[in-house]
C-alpha atoms as a PDB file:
ATOM      1  CA  MET A   1     -11.318  27.775 -38.852  1.00  0.00           C
ATOM      2  CA  ASN A   2     -10.771  27.979 -42.619  1.00  0.00           C
ATOM      3  CA  GLU A   3     -11.120  24.960 -44.924  1.00  0.00           C
ATOM      4  CA  LEU A   4     -12.639  22.779 -42.308  1.00  0.00           C
ATOM      5  CA  THR A   5     -15.154  20.136 -43.400  1.00  0.00           C
ATOM      6  CA  VAL A   6     -17.585  18.007 -41.335  1.00  0.00           C
ATOM      7  CA  ASN A   7     -18.597  14.487 -42.220  1.00  0.00           C
ATOM      8  CA  ILE A   8     -20.628  11.878 -40.416  1.00  0.00           C
ATOM      9  CA  TYR A   9     -19.814   8.204 -40.855  1.00  0.00           C
ATOM     10  CA  SER A  10     -21.939   5.227 -39.984  1.00  0.00           C
ATOM     11  CA  ARG A  11     -19.817   2.466 -41.585  1.00  0.00           C
ATOM     12  CA  TYR A  12     -16.530   1.383 -40.140  1.00  0.00           C
ATOM     13  CA  GLU A  13     -14.784   0.988 -43.510  1.00  0.00           C
ATOM     14  CA  ASP A  14     -15.574   4.609 -44.371  1.00  0.00           C
ATOM     15  CA  LEU A  15     -13.804   6.063 -41.309  1.00  0.00           C
ATOM     16  CA  PRO A  16     -10.903   8.239 -42.048  1.00  0.00           C
ATOM     17  CA  GLU A  17      -7.386   7.567 -40.927  1.00  0.00           C
ATOM     18  CA  GLY A  18      -5.872   9.408 -37.929  1.00  0.00           C
ATOM     19  CA  LEU A  19      -8.695   9.071 -35.546  1.00  0.00           C
ATOM     20  CA  SER A  20      -7.715   9.367 -31.843  1.00  0.00           C
ATOM     21  CA  GLU A  21      -8.216   6.334 -29.700  1.00  0.00           C
ATOM     22  CA  GLU A  22      -7.384   7.960 -26.357  1.00  0.00           C
ATOM     23  CA  ASN A  23     -11.047   8.511 -25.276  1.00  0.00           C
ATOM     24  CA  PHE A  24     -13.045   5.218 -25.367  1.00  0.00           C
ATOM     25  CA  PHE A  25     -16.383   6.867 -25.891  1.00  0.00           C
ATOM     26  CA  HIS A  26     -15.335   8.590 -28.941  1.00  0.00           C
ATOM     27  CA  GLY A  27     -12.958   6.092 -30.554  1.00  0.00           C
ATOM     28  CA  THR A  28     -13.193   3.304 -33.152  1.00  0.00           C
ATOM     29  CA  ARG A  29     -13.290   0.520 -30.535  1.00  0.00           C
ATOM     30  CA  PHE A  30     -16.582   1.836 -29.148  1.00  0.00           C
ATOM     31  CA  PHE A  31     -17.726   2.434 -32.708  1.00  0.00           C
ATOM     32  CA  MET A  32     -17.202  -1.164 -33.572  1.00  0.00           C
ATOM     33  CA  LEU A  33     -18.735  -2.486 -30.283  1.00  0.00           C
ATOM     34  CA  CYS A  34     -21.926  -0.445 -31.051  1.00  0.00           C
ATOM     35  CA  LYS A  35     -21.869  -1.604 -34.707  1.00  0.00           C
ATOM     36  CA  GLN A  36     -21.846  -5.226 -33.592  1.00  0.00           C
ATOM     37  CA  THR A  37     -24.585  -4.886 -30.975  1.00  0.00           C
ATOM     38  CA  PRO A  38     -28.234  -5.298 -31.917  1.00  0.00           C
ATOM     39  CA  ARG A  39     -30.420  -2.190 -31.608  1.00  0.00           C
ATOM     40  CA  MET A  40     -27.480   0.178 -31.531  1.00  0.00           C
ATOM     41  CA  LYS A  41     -25.917   2.284 -34.453  1.00  0.00           C
ATOM     42  CA  PRO A  42     -22.914   4.478 -34.143  1.00  0.00           C
ATOM     43  CA  TYR A  43     -22.471   7.810 -36.053  1.00  0.00           C
ATOM     44  CA  MET A  44     -18.859   9.258 -36.011  1.00  0.00           C
ATOM     45  CA  THR A  45     -18.773  12.950 -36.723  1.00  0.00           C
ATOM     46  CA  VAL A  46     -15.341  14.101 -37.918  1.00  0.00           C
ATOM     47  CA  VAL A  47     -13.876  17.540 -38.644  1.00  0.00           C
ATOM     48  CA  GLN A  48     -10.998  17.568 -41.101  1.00  0.00           C
ATOM     49  CA  ASN A  49      -8.723  20.399 -42.267  1.00  0.00           C
ATOM     50  CA  GLY A  50      -7.739  21.085 -45.884  1.00  0.00           C
ATOM     51  CA  LYS A  51      -5.031  18.504 -45.686  1.00  0.00           C
ATOM     52  CA  GLY A  52      -7.465  15.734 -44.606  1.00  0.00           C
ATOM     53  CA  GLU A  53      -6.050  15.662 -41.099  1.00  0.00           C
ATOM     54  CA  VAL A  54      -8.495  14.968 -38.221  1.00  0.00           C
ATOM     55  CA  VAL A  55      -9.062  18.105 -36.191  1.00  0.00           C
ATOM     56  CA  ALA A  56     -11.992  16.846 -33.973  1.00  0.00           C
ATOM     57  CA  GLN A  57     -14.211  13.790 -33.652  1.00  0.00           C
ATOM     58  CA  MET A  58     -17.332  12.885 -31.748  1.00  0.00           C
ATOM     59  CA  LEU A  59     -19.198   9.664 -31.526  1.00  0.00           C
ATOM     60  CA  ALA A  60     -23.116   9.552 -31.245  1.00  0.00           C
ATOM     61  CA  VAL A  61     -24.884   6.321 -30.633  1.00  0.00           C
ATOM     62  CA  VAL A  62     -28.413   5.679 -31.621  1.00  0.00           C
ATOM     63  CA  ARG A  63     -30.317   3.215 -29.539  1.00  0.00           C
ATOM     64  CA  TYR A  64     -33.547   1.444 -30.579  1.00  0.00           C
ATOM     65  CA  ARG A  65     -35.919   0.837 -27.697  1.00  0.00           C
ATOM     66  CA  SER A  66     -39.096  -1.143 -27.549  1.00  0.00           C
ATOM     67  CA  SER A  67     -41.313  -2.803 -24.923  1.00  0.00           C
ATOM     68  CA  TRP A  68     -44.536  -4.703 -24.693  1.00  0.00           C
ATOM     69  CA  PHE A  69     -45.245  -3.487 -21.115  1.00  0.00           C
ATOM     70  CA  PRO A  70     -45.216  -0.648 -20.833  1.00  0.00           C
ATOM     71  CA  PRO A  71     -45.728  -0.385 -24.572  1.00  0.00           C
ATOM     72  CA  TYR A  72     -43.317   1.942 -26.433  1.00  0.00           C
ATOM     73  CA  LEU A  73     -41.166   2.013 -29.543  1.00  0.00           C
ATOM     74  CA  TYR A  74     -38.740   4.821 -30.289  1.00  0.00           C
ATOM     75  CA  MET A  75     -35.085   5.788 -30.997  1.00  0.00           C
ATOM     76  CA  HIS A  76     -32.838   8.067 -29.011  1.00  0.00           C
ATOM     77  CA  CYS A  77     -29.273   9.213 -29.313  1.00  0.00           C
ATOM     78  CA  ARG A  78     -26.635   9.627 -26.655  1.00  0.00           C
ATOM     79  CA  ILE A  79     -23.355  11.462 -26.898  1.00  0.00           C
ATOM     80  CA  MET A  80     -20.937  10.923 -23.886  1.00  0.00           C
ATOM     81  CA  GLY A  81     -18.740  14.016 -23.625  1.00  0.00           C
ATOM     82  CA  GLU A  82     -17.773  16.777 -26.081  1.00  0.00           C
ATOM     83  CA  GLY A  83     -15.613  14.674 -28.213  1.00  0.00           C
ATOM     84  CA  VAL A  84     -11.876  14.558 -28.958  1.00  0.00           C
ATOM     85  CA  PHE A  85      -9.642  17.343 -30.090  1.00  0.00           C
ATOM     86  CA  PRO A  86      -6.040  16.441 -31.202  1.00  0.00           C
ATOM     87  CA  MET A  87      -3.485  18.283 -29.163  1.00  0.00           C
ATOM     88  CA  GLN A  88      -1.613  19.503 -32.217  1.00  0.00           C
ATOM     89  CA  ASP A  89      -2.885  21.249 -35.419  1.00  0.00           C
ATOM     90  CA  SER A  90      -1.467  20.696 -38.939  1.00  0.00           C
ATOM     91  CA  ASP A  91       1.543  23.005 -38.216  1.00  0.00           C
ATOM     92  CA  GLY A  92       2.564  21.029 -35.150  1.00  0.00           C
ATOM     93  CA  LYS A  93       1.561  23.771 -32.792  1.00  0.00           C
ATOM     94  CA  GLN A  94      -0.572  23.256 -29.711  1.00  0.00           C
ATOM     95  CA  GLN A  95      -4.328  23.531 -30.488  1.00  0.00           C
ATOM     96  CA  GLU A  96      -5.737  26.359 -28.437  1.00  0.00           C
ATOM     97  CA  ASP A  97      -8.622  25.742 -26.072  1.00  0.00           C
ATOM     98  CA  THR A  98     -10.567  28.514 -27.579  1.00  0.00           C
ATOM     99  CA  LYS A  99     -11.034  26.551 -30.755  1.00  0.00           C
ATOM    100  CA  LYS A 100     -12.655  23.628 -29.066  1.00  0.00           C
ATOM    101  CA  PRO A 101     -16.061  25.227 -28.568  1.00  0.00           C
ATOM    102  CA  GLU A 102     -16.166  26.159 -32.221  1.00  0.00           C
ATOM    103  CA  LEU A 103     -15.192  22.747 -33.339  1.00  0.00           C
ATOM    104  CA  PHE A 104     -17.793  21.301 -30.993  1.00  0.00           C
ATOM    105  CA  ALA A 105     -20.384  23.652 -32.328  1.00  0.00           C
ATOM    106  CA  MET A 106     -19.733  22.342 -35.850  1.00  0.00           C
ATOM    107  CA  MET A 107     -20.032  18.704 -34.892  1.00  0.00           C
ATOM    108  CA  LEU A 108     -23.220  19.346 -32.740  1.00  0.00           C
ATOM    109  CA  GLN A 109     -24.910  21.104 -35.584  1.00  0.00           C
ATOM    110  CA  ALA A 110     -24.082  18.370 -37.996  1.00  0.00           C
ATOM    111  CA  VAL A 111     -25.326  15.639 -35.635  1.00  0.00           C
ATOM    112  CA  THR A 112     -28.567  17.629 -34.783  1.00  0.00           C
ATOM    113  CA  GLU A 113     -29.368  18.173 -38.484  1.00  0.00           C
ATOM    114  CA  ARG A 114     -28.646  14.570 -39.431  1.00  0.00           C
ATOM    115  CA  LEU A 115     -30.409  12.906 -36.543  1.00  0.00           C
ATOM    116  CA  GLY A 116     -32.611  15.460 -34.735  1.00  0.00           C
ATOM    117  CA  ARG A 117     -35.755  14.833 -36.608  1.00  0.00           C
ATOM    118  CA  ARG A 118     -35.477  11.019 -36.557  1.00  0.00           C
ATOM    119  CA  MET A 119     -34.771  10.608 -32.740  1.00  0.00           C
ATOM    120  CA  LEU A 120     -37.286  11.087 -29.929  1.00  0.00           C
ATOM    121  CA  TYR A 121     -34.537  12.933 -28.148  1.00  0.00           C
ATOM    122  CA  ILE A 122     -30.736  13.424 -28.335  1.00  0.00           C
ATOM    123  CA  GLU A 123     -28.871  13.441 -24.979  1.00  0.00           C
ATOM    124  CA  VAL A 124     -25.444  14.996 -24.375  1.00  0.00           C
ATOM    125  CA  SER A 125     -23.835  14.020 -20.993  1.00  0.00           C
ATOM    126  CA  ASN A 126     -20.554  13.794 -19.166  1.00  0.00           C
ATOM    127  CA  LEU A 127     -19.041  17.087 -20.404  1.00  0.00           C
ATOM    128  CA  SER A 128     -15.616  17.987 -18.922  1.00  0.00           C
ATOM    129  CA  GLN A 129     -17.030  21.388 -17.858  1.00  0.00           C
ATOM    130  CA  LYS A 130     -20.360  22.437 -16.818  1.00  0.00           C
ATOM    131  CA  MET A 131     -20.678  25.356 -19.255  1.00  0.00           C
ATOM    132  CA  PHE A 132     -18.790  23.897 -22.099  1.00  0.00           C
ATOM    133  CA  GLY A 133     -20.532  24.448 -25.398  1.00  0.00           C
ATOM    134  CA  TYR A 134     -23.436  26.450 -23.803  1.00  0.00           C
ATOM    135  CA  LYS A 135     -23.815  28.758 -26.790  1.00  0.00           C
ATOM    136  CA  ALA A 136     -23.778  25.924 -29.308  1.00  0.00           C
ATOM    137  CA  PHE A 137     -26.398  23.936 -27.414  1.00  0.00           C
ATOM    138  CA  ARG A 138     -28.739  27.019 -27.147  1.00  0.00           C
ATOM    139  CA  GLN A 139     -28.263  27.769 -30.938  1.00  0.00           C
ATOM    140  CA  ASN A 140     -29.135  24.253 -31.778  1.00  0.00           C
ATOM    141  CA  GLY A 141     -32.273  24.156 -29.599  1.00  0.00           C
ATOM    142  CA  TYR A 142     -31.038  22.086 -26.616  1.00  0.00           C
ATOM    143  CA  PHE A 143     -32.131  22.583 -23.054  1.00  0.00           C
ATOM    144  CA  PRO A 144     -30.062  21.797 -19.894  1.00  0.00           C
ATOM    145  CA  ILE A 145     -30.975  19.654 -16.874  1.00  0.00           C
ATOM    146  CA  LYS A 146     -28.855  19.863 -13.839  1.00  0.00           C
ATOM    147  CA  TRP A 147     -26.957  16.599 -13.075  1.00  0.00           C
ATOM    148  CA  ILE A 148     -24.403  15.090 -10.745  1.00  0.00           C
ATOM    149  CA  ASN A 149     -21.133  13.406 -11.508  1.00  0.00           C
ATOM    150  CA  ILE A 150     -18.962  11.490  -9.000  1.00  0.00           C
ATOM    151  CA  HIS A 151     -15.438  10.345  -9.353  1.00  0.00           C
ATOM    152  CA  ASN A 152     -13.061   8.646  -6.931  1.00  0.00           C
ATOM    153  CA  SER A 153      -9.194   9.246  -6.985  1.00  0.00           C
ATOM    154  CA  VAL A 154      -7.500   5.931  -6.741  1.00  0.00           C
ATOM    155  CA  HIS A 155      -3.876   7.069  -7.379  1.00  0.00           C
ATOM    156  CA  SER A 156      -2.974   9.277  -4.510  1.00  0.00           C
ATOM    157  CA  HIS A 157      -4.373   7.281  -1.681  1.00  0.00           C
ATOM    158  CA  THR A 158      -5.498   3.680  -1.324  1.00  0.00           C
ATOM    159  CA  PRO A 159      -9.207   2.967  -1.367  1.00  0.00           C
ATOM    160  CA  GLU A 160      -9.088   1.862   2.245  1.00  0.00           C
ATOM    161  CA  GLU A 161      -7.915   5.327   3.384  1.00  0.00           C
ATOM    162  CA  ARG A 162     -10.999   6.983   1.912  1.00  0.00           C
ATOM    163  CA  ILE A 163     -13.743   4.930   3.554  1.00  0.00           C
ATOM    164  CA  SER A 164     -15.064   4.945   7.115  1.00  0.00           C
ATOM    165  CA  ASP A 165     -14.344   2.285   9.783  1.00  0.00           C
ATOM    166  CA  ARG A 166     -18.077   1.455   9.760  1.00  0.00           C
ATOM    167  CA  LEU A 167     -18.028   0.671   6.152  1.00  0.00           C
ATOM    168  CA  LYS A 168     -14.857  -1.418   6.440  1.00  0.00           C
ATOM    169  CA  LYS A 169     -16.586  -3.498   9.101  1.00  0.00           C
ATOM    170  CA  ARG A 170     -19.582  -4.136   6.951  1.00  0.00           C
ATOM    171  CA  LEU A 171     -17.394  -5.184   3.999  1.00  0.00           C
ATOM    172  CA  ASP A 172     -15.184  -7.479   6.222  1.00  0.00           C
ATOM    173  CA  SER A 173     -18.389  -9.004   7.635  1.00  0.00           C
ATOM    174  CA  ALA A 174     -19.822  -9.758   4.073  1.00  0.00           C
ATOM    175  CA  ILE A 175     -16.570 -11.269   3.006  1.00  0.00           C
ATOM    176  CA  SER A 176     -16.334 -13.305   6.148  1.00  0.00           C
ATOM    177  CA  ARG A 177     -19.696 -14.879   5.365  1.00  0.00           C
ATOM    178  CA  ASP A 178     -18.415 -16.138   1.984  1.00  0.00           C
ATOM    179  CA  ALA A 179     -19.739 -13.341  -0.217  1.00  0.00           C
ATOM    180  CA  VAL A 180     -17.221 -12.839  -3.080  1.00  0.00           C
ATOM    181  CA  THR A 181     -16.869 -10.771  -6.121  1.00  0.00           C
ATOM    182  CA  THR A 182     -15.106 -12.209  -9.192  1.00  0.00           C
ATOM    183  CA  GLU A 183     -14.597 -11.228 -12.781  1.00  0.00           C
ATOM    184  CA  VAL A 184     -16.995 -12.649 -15.443  1.00  0.00           C
ATOM    185  CA  THR A 185     -15.166 -15.250 -17.470  1.00  0.00           C
ATOM    186  CA  THR A 186     -17.579 -17.697 -18.886  1.00  0.00           C
ATOM    187  CA  ASP A 187     -20.706 -17.687 -20.842  1.00  0.00           C
ATOM    188  CA  GLY A 188     -22.563 -18.883 -17.858  1.00  0.00           C
ATOM    189  CA  ASP A 189     -21.307 -16.069 -15.851  1.00  0.00           C
ATOM    190  CA  LEU A 190     -22.389 -13.636 -18.541  1.00  0.00           C
ATOM    191  CA  HIS A 191     -25.959 -15.077 -18.691  1.00  0.00           C
ATOM    192  CA  THR A 192     -26.202 -14.721 -14.875  1.00  0.00           C
ATOM    193  CA  PHE A 193     -24.808 -11.155 -15.126  1.00  0.00           C
ATOM    194  CA  MET A 194     -27.422 -10.250 -17.738  1.00  0.00           C
ATOM    195  CA  ARG A 195     -30.364 -11.719 -15.806  1.00  0.00           C
ATOM    196  CA  LEU A 196     -29.552  -9.768 -12.642  1.00  0.00           C
ATOM    197  CA  LEU A 197     -28.908  -6.477 -14.630  1.00  0.00           C
ATOM    198  CA  ARG A 198     -32.259  -6.688 -16.502  1.00  0.00           C
ATOM    199  CA  HIS A 199     -34.210  -7.741 -13.451  1.00  0.00           C
ATOM    200  CA  HIS A 200     -32.723  -4.925 -11.408  1.00  0.00           C
ATOM    201  CA  ASN A 201     -33.692  -2.317 -14.078  1.00  0.00           C
ATOM    202  CA  TRP A 202     -36.915  -3.653 -15.635  1.00  0.00           C
ATOM    203  CA  LEU A 203     -39.072  -0.985 -13.746  1.00  0.00           C
ATOM    204  CA  LYS A 204     -36.751   1.874 -14.720  1.00  0.00           C
ATOM    205  CA  PRO A 205     -37.871   2.731 -18.307  1.00  0.00           C
ATOM    206  CA  LYS A 206     -35.255   5.448 -18.828  1.00  0.00           C
ATOM    207  CA  ARG A 207     -32.394   3.044 -17.926  1.00  0.00           C
ATOM    208  CA  TYR A 208     -31.197   1.600 -21.174  1.00  0.00           C
ATOM    209  CA  ILE A 209     -29.675  -1.961 -20.992  1.00  0.00           C
ATOM    210  CA  PRO A 210     -27.911  -2.984 -24.144  1.00  0.00           C
ATOM    211  CA  HIS A 211     -28.004  -6.443 -25.750  1.00  0.00           C
ATOM    212  CA  GLU A 212     -25.895  -9.155 -24.194  1.00  0.00           C
ATOM    213  CA  ASP A 213     -23.488  -8.873 -27.216  1.00  0.00           C
ATOM    214  CA  PHE A 214     -22.525  -5.467 -25.925  1.00  0.00           C
ATOM    215  CA  PHE A 215     -21.265  -6.846 -22.650  1.00  0.00           C
ATOM    216  CA  SER A 216     -19.710  -9.774 -24.346  1.00  0.00           C
ATOM    217  CA  GLY A 217     -17.811  -7.442 -26.508  1.00  0.00           C
ATOM    218  CA  ILE A 218     -16.433  -5.477 -23.608  1.00  0.00           C
ATOM    219  CA  GLN A 219     -15.323  -8.747 -22.027  1.00  0.00           C
ATOM    220  CA  LYS A 220     -13.698 -10.437 -25.072  1.00  0.00           C
ATOM    221  CA  ASN A 221     -12.004  -7.345 -26.539  1.00  0.00           C
ATOM    222  CA  GLY A 222     -10.500  -6.180 -23.358  1.00  0.00           C
ATOM    223  CA  LEU A 223     -12.399  -2.886 -23.274  1.00  0.00           C
ATOM    224  CA  GLY A 224     -13.316  -3.244 -19.555  1.00  0.00           C
ATOM    225  CA  ARG A 225     -14.313  -5.778 -17.031  1.00  0.00           C
ATOM    226  CA  LEU A 226     -17.511  -7.289 -15.796  1.00  0.00           C
ATOM    227  CA  TYR A 227     -17.875  -8.325 -12.105  1.00  0.00           C
ATOM    228  CA  ILE A 228     -20.363 -10.603 -10.380  1.00  0.00           C
ATOM    229  CA  THR A 229     -20.930 -10.999  -6.670  1.00  0.00           C
ATOM    230  CA  ARG A 230     -22.058 -14.256  -5.342  1.00  0.00           C
ATOM    231  CA  TYR A 231     -23.178 -15.652  -2.051  1.00  0.00           C
ATOM    232  CA  ARG A 232     -22.983 -19.475  -2.334  1.00  0.00           C
ATOM    233  CA  GLU A 233     -24.922 -20.251  -5.451  1.00  0.00           C
ATOM    234  CA  HIS A 234     -26.840 -16.892  -5.545  1.00  0.00           C
ATOM    235  CA  ALA A 235     -25.851 -13.979  -7.711  1.00  0.00           C
ATOM    236  CA  ILE A 236     -26.377 -10.919  -5.548  1.00  0.00           C
ATOM    237  CA  GLY A 237     -24.571  -8.131  -7.402  1.00  0.00           C
ATOM    238  CA  CYS A 238     -22.892  -7.187 -10.697  1.00  0.00           C
ATOM    239  CA  SER A 239     -21.127  -4.288 -12.264  1.00  0.00           C
ATOM    240  CA  ALA A 240     -19.566  -3.235 -15.620  1.00  0.00           C
ATOM    241  CA  VAL A 241     -16.439  -1.015 -15.895  1.00  0.00           C
ATOM    242  CA  VAL A 242     -14.918   0.323 -19.079  1.00  0.00           C
ATOM    243  CA  TYR A 243     -11.399   1.894 -19.483  1.00  0.00           C
ATOM    244  CA  SER A 244     -10.446   5.091 -21.274  1.00  0.00           C
ATOM    245  CA  GLY A 245      -7.309   7.076 -21.852  1.00  0.00           C
ATOM    246  CA  SER A 246      -3.602   6.518 -21.142  1.00  0.00           C
ATOM    247  CA  HIS A 247      -1.003   7.457 -18.671  1.00  0.00           C
ATOM    248  CA  ALA A 248       0.625   9.711 -21.168  1.00  0.00           C
ATOM    249  CA  ASN A 249      -2.325  12.184 -21.369  1.00  0.00           C
ATOM    250  CA  MET A 250      -3.084  11.963 -17.612  1.00  0.00           C
ATOM    251  CA  GLN A 251      -6.650  10.794 -18.272  1.00  0.00           C
ATOM    252  CA  HIS A 252      -6.239   7.077 -17.351  1.00  0.00           C
ATOM    253  CA  ASN A 253      -9.728   6.454 -15.951  1.00  0.00           C
ATOM    254  CA  ALA A 254     -12.145   3.592 -15.242  1.00  0.00           C
ATOM    255  CA  TYR A 255     -15.804   4.237 -15.769  1.00  0.00           C
ATOM    256  CA  LEU A 256     -18.413   2.276 -13.728  1.00  0.00           C
ATOM    257  CA  TRP A 257     -21.277   2.193 -16.264  1.00  0.00           C
ATOM    258  CA  PHE A 258     -23.799  -0.403 -15.149  1.00  0.00           C
ATOM    259  CA  ALA A 259     -24.458  -2.004 -11.842  1.00  0.00           C
ATOM    260  CA  ALA A 260     -27.238  -4.056 -10.155  1.00  0.00           C
ATOM    261  CA  PHE A 261     -27.741  -5.498  -6.666  1.00  0.00           C
ATOM    262  CA  ARG A 262     -30.212  -7.732  -4.634  1.00  0.00           C
ATOM    263  CA  ARG A 263     -30.274  -5.282  -1.643  1.00  0.00           C
ATOM    264  CA  LYS A 264     -33.548  -6.544  -0.170  1.00  0.00           C
ATOM    265  CA  SER A 265     -33.075 -10.234  -0.533  1.00  0.00           C
ATOM    266  CA  PHE A 266     -29.506 -10.272   0.906  1.00  0.00           C
ATOM    267  CA  VAL A 267     -29.537  -7.069   3.074  1.00  0.00           C
ATOM    268  CA  TRP A 268     -27.221  -8.477   5.831  1.00  0.00           C
ATOM    269  CA  LEU A 269     -24.438  -9.035   3.045  1.00  0.00           C
ATOM    270  CA  HIS A 270     -24.628  -5.515   1.677  1.00  0.00           C
ATOM    271  CA  PRO A 271     -24.262  -6.610  -1.880  1.00  0.00           C
ATOM    272  CA  ASP A 272     -24.346  -3.028  -3.315  1.00  0.00           C
ATOM    273  CA  GLU A 273     -21.366  -1.989  -1.147  1.00  0.00           C
ATOM    274  CA  LEU A 274     -19.403  -5.172  -1.763  1.00  0.00           C
ATOM    275  CA  THR A 275     -19.869  -4.943  -5.564  1.00  0.00           C
ATOM    276  CA  ILE A 276     -18.955  -1.246  -5.852  1.00  0.00           C
ATOM    277  CA  TRP A 277     -15.934  -1.712  -3.514  1.00  0.00           C
ATOM    278  CA  HIS A 278     -14.555  -4.511  -5.546  1.00  0.00           C
ATOM    279  CA  ALA A 279     -14.742  -2.320  -8.786  1.00  0.00           C
ATOM    280  CA  ILE A 280     -12.975   0.508  -6.911  1.00  0.00           C
ATOM    281  CA  LYS A 281     -10.275  -1.824  -5.534  1.00  0.00           C
ATOM    282  CA  ASP A 282      -9.618  -3.472  -8.897  1.00  0.00           C
ATOM    283  CA  SER A 283      -9.302  -0.105 -10.645  1.00  0.00           C
ATOM    284  CA  HIS A 284      -6.688   0.853  -8.015  1.00  0.00           C
ATOM    285  CA  ARG A 285      -4.936  -2.454  -8.494  1.00  0.00           C
ATOM    286  CA  LEU A 286      -4.787  -1.962 -12.255  1.00  0.00           C
ATOM    287  CA  GLY A 287      -3.181   1.489 -11.868  1.00  0.00           C
ATOM    288  CA  TYR A 288      -6.013   3.874 -12.960  1.00  0.00           C
ATOM    289  CA  ASP A 289      -6.084   7.396 -11.805  1.00  0.00           C
ATOM    290  CA  HIS A 290      -9.810   7.715 -11.160  1.00  0.00           C
ATOM    291  CA  ILE A 291     -12.940   5.721 -11.273  1.00  0.00           C
ATOM    292  CA  CYS A 292     -15.967   7.710 -12.475  1.00  0.00           C
ATOM    293  CA  PHE A 293     -19.552   6.687 -11.833  1.00  0.00           C
ATOM    294  CA  LEU A 294     -21.842   7.276 -14.764  1.00  0.00           C
ATOM    295  CA  ASP A 295     -25.600   8.086 -14.484  1.00  0.00           C
ATOM    296  CA  VAL A 296     -25.518   9.190 -10.906  1.00  0.00           C
ATOM    297  CA  GLY A 297     -28.746  11.216 -11.333  1.00  0.00           C
ATOM    298  CA  LEU A 298     -30.319  14.565 -10.452  1.00  0.00           C
ATOM    299  CA  PRO A 299     -28.854  16.811  -7.650  1.00  0.00           C
ATOM    300  CA  SER A 300     -31.944  16.373  -5.557  1.00  0.00           C
ATOM    301  CA  LYS A 301     -31.750  16.322  -1.842  1.00  0.00           C
ATOM    302  CA  ARG A 302     -32.990  12.617  -1.639  1.00  0.00           C
ATOM    303  CA  ASN A 303     -30.835  11.106  -4.236  1.00  0.00           C
ATOM    304  CA  ARG A 304     -29.977   7.817  -2.356  1.00  0.00           C
ATOM    305  CA  TYR A 305     -27.715   6.486  -5.098  1.00  0.00           C
ATOM    306  CA  ARG A 306     -25.563   9.610  -4.809  1.00  0.00           C
ATOM    307  CA  GLU A 307     -25.303   9.347  -1.031  1.00  0.00           C
ATOM    308  CA  PHE A 308     -24.498   5.663  -1.346  1.00  0.00           C
ATOM    309  CA  LEU A 309     -21.577   6.296  -3.775  1.00  0.00           C
ATOM    310  CA  LEU A 310     -20.142   9.109  -1.570  1.00  0.00           C
ATOM    311  CA  ARG A 311     -19.649   6.624   1.186  1.00  0.00           C
ATOM    312  CA  PHE A 312     -16.503   5.475  -0.773  1.00  0.00           C
ATOM    313  CA  GLY A 313     -14.793   8.777  -0.597  1.00  0.00           C
ATOM    314  CA  GLY A 314     -15.711  10.232  -4.000  1.00  0.00           C
ATOM    315  CA  LYS A 315     -16.079  13.790  -5.045  1.00  0.00           C
ATOM    316  CA  PRO A 316     -19.401  15.090  -6.396  1.00  0.00           C
ATOM    317  CA  THR A 317     -19.424  17.852  -9.181  1.00  0.00           C
ATOM    318  CA  SER A 318     -22.388  19.668 -10.529  1.00  0.00           C
ATOM    319  CA  THR A 319     -22.945  19.518 -14.309  1.00  0.00           C
ATOM    320  CA  ASN A 320     -25.533  19.684 -16.979  1.00  0.00           C
ATOM    321  CA  ARG A 321     -27.112  17.217 -19.352  1.00  0.00           C
ATOM    322  CA  TRP A 322     -28.395  18.726 -22.544  1.00  0.00           C
ATOM    323  CA  PHE A 323     -31.434  17.373 -24.438  1.00  0.00           C
ATOM    324  CA  HIS A 324     -33.134  17.964 -27.696  1.00  0.00           C
ATOM    325  CA  THR A 325     -36.441  16.447 -28.638  1.00  0.00           C
ATOM    326  CA  ASN A 326     -38.010  16.237 -32.042  1.00  0.00           C
ATOM    327  CA  ILE A 327     -41.430  17.241 -30.685  1.00  0.00           C
ATOM    328  CA  GLY A 328     -41.198  20.988 -31.393  1.00  0.00           C
ATOM    329  CA  ILE A 329     -43.658  22.339 -28.835  1.00  0.00           C
ATOM    330  CA  ILE A 330     -42.265  20.215 -26.143  1.00  0.00           C
ATOM    331  CA  ASN A 331     -38.628  21.259 -27.002  1.00  0.00           C
ATOM    332  CA  ARG A 332     -39.692  24.902 -26.953  1.00  0.00           C
ATOM    333  CA  LEU A 333     -41.503  24.522 -23.644  1.00  0.00           C
ATOM    334  CA  PHE A 334     -38.538  22.859 -21.906  1.00  0.00           C
ATOM    335  CA  SER A 335     -36.107  25.321 -23.409  1.00  0.00           C
ATOM    336  CA  TRP A 336     -38.170  28.018 -21.856  1.00  0.00           C
ATOM    337  CA  PHE A 337     -38.626  26.257 -18.602  1.00  0.00           C
ATOM    338  CA  TYR A 338     -34.921  25.500 -18.262  1.00  0.00           C
ATOM    339  CA  ARG A 339     -33.743  28.974 -19.353  1.00  0.00           C
ATOM    340  CA  GLU A 340     -30.992  30.609 -17.294  1.00  0.00           C
END
């Protein structure tokens, strides 16, 4: 680990050459998307060797949050995954997995020192392994909260083979009644998408909904797809999916990031099932290996969203989300409470 340097960049023009683009959540495309979105600011942490070659990279996104009711104003930072580690070192040899925790520890320390005192909290989610970086997190004052991830394989079997006959009948019934899911293609569609998404989440203060420019950027730059489910003139469901990876590295995945439904108003049409089903079907049609559901929630016995997603044949995995708050006594209290 000699001659390694860590730098954090917040301007696109300062980013070094040689950054990997395989992982959407740690690449320059996501960096630019966040840079162009109001109330979001990206910070790219890069580890380079003595030759200036990129050894590791990790993108942290700062979000500015405010509301009149309930009243609050704060900033928080989210990191989705442990970052990217090039498969070859400067000598052309395969980079050992044993180096990754050390590189991650360097990046995590740099981000915590740079942003930790300014953010209400830093959140690290969607790690590839439950215990990855455990030592680094503890050394930097983070505490874990148990979480659930769900992903569906859409390459070995068709989506229809993974669902029950009962669910198939409900989907067919909704479609026969003229409920249809289509891709967002116009500004009018986008405005309708945003109204439904915000209305669905306005009583969920932890749920962060980016500015409309964020979703417009996903749509216009080909970073993913936005879907909207309609019944006649009514919008009854919507979802946002982003794409990451390539077939070459066997991580060609779709990620369902945001979704909203009008379950109670159109209960007989099952808008939640129809909207999610279309996202799964389209990911299969486009040739992705998996569709992963972000922000499933806590592994509690009564997690209804988790049970809903599992109807589509997904696989749940237990993981940790790591948090660090700038309120010292609170951070120490939670670190003690969530000790293992």
